[in-house]
Amino acid sequence: MIKIGMIGGSGFDDPDFLTDVRTVKKGTPFGGLSADLIVGKTHDVEIAIVLRHGRQHRIRPSAVNYRANIWALKDEGVTHIIATTACGSLREEIRPGHLVFPDQFIDFTRVRKSTFHEGDQVVHISMADPFCDRLRQILIQTAEEEQVTHHPTGTVITIEGPRFSTRAESRMFRILGGDIVNMSTVPEVVLAREAGICYALAAMSTDYDAWHESEAPVTWEMIATTMRKNVENVKKIFFKALPKITYDMCSCRTEVESAMV
């Protein structure tokens, strides 16, 4: 049986698209969640929602308790996670409002806990292909069917934040092969793999970051405006995709077994 975890922010804190809605409080070995889980059903599929930055976006990216959030979803029985994120575009062709379904990441975070396993347990988890390809392909196929402008691959660079990039940093990220930049994917995707949960990301381009000198410097207001305009596209893809997700055996679920030392 599948249970879908959704991790996001604006547009997903209103459970009007769910039935049998309730909130679930969970304690975890890693501290408190960003917010209580919102649990319900849609299309006869059980859903558990985590508001990554808390209600009203009060938790900065580096202060999000990613371990508690993922642990809580695992404890709730979640088998797949579909996450959303705002991102800056590092490519001309990825215009504001476009969706990207990344297949790779580059980690530029500095102070985040990126493993559940500490002390005398070491886990060298494989991240060669960090996003679940089966889940990605379902989202891509659905975006095509719904005629939503999207990019089926991309490398997301995750920075520490909460500040935005300098122009020099933004140009460097382009040289390194980044296609989009955000502040939240790492370590979320890594922890999902350690927890044995399939994870895919829908990234919404909201701006051209700082490299595009013909554009105004990125601001939070710019990001929030674009998110409000396009969140319905993201929700449409998610809810059209849900009936297609099945509990096939996937290496995402077993990778950690061979990674423990």
Foldseek 3Di string as FASTA:
>chain_A
DAAEEEEEAPPPVDCPQFPPWDWAADADPQGGALDTWIWGDHPNHTYTYGHQCHHPNPRFLQRGSLLNVLVVCVVVVHAAYEYEEEWAFLDPVQDFQAKEWEFAEDEAEDDHDQEPDDDPKDFDFDCPGLAFPVLLVLLVVLCVVVVGHYHSYFYEYAHQDPDFDALVVSVVCVVVRHGIYYHHVPSNSSHLLLSLHHYIYIYGHQYNGNNPPVDDHDDPVSRVVSCVVRVVVVVSSVSVSVVVDDPDDDVSRVRRVVRID
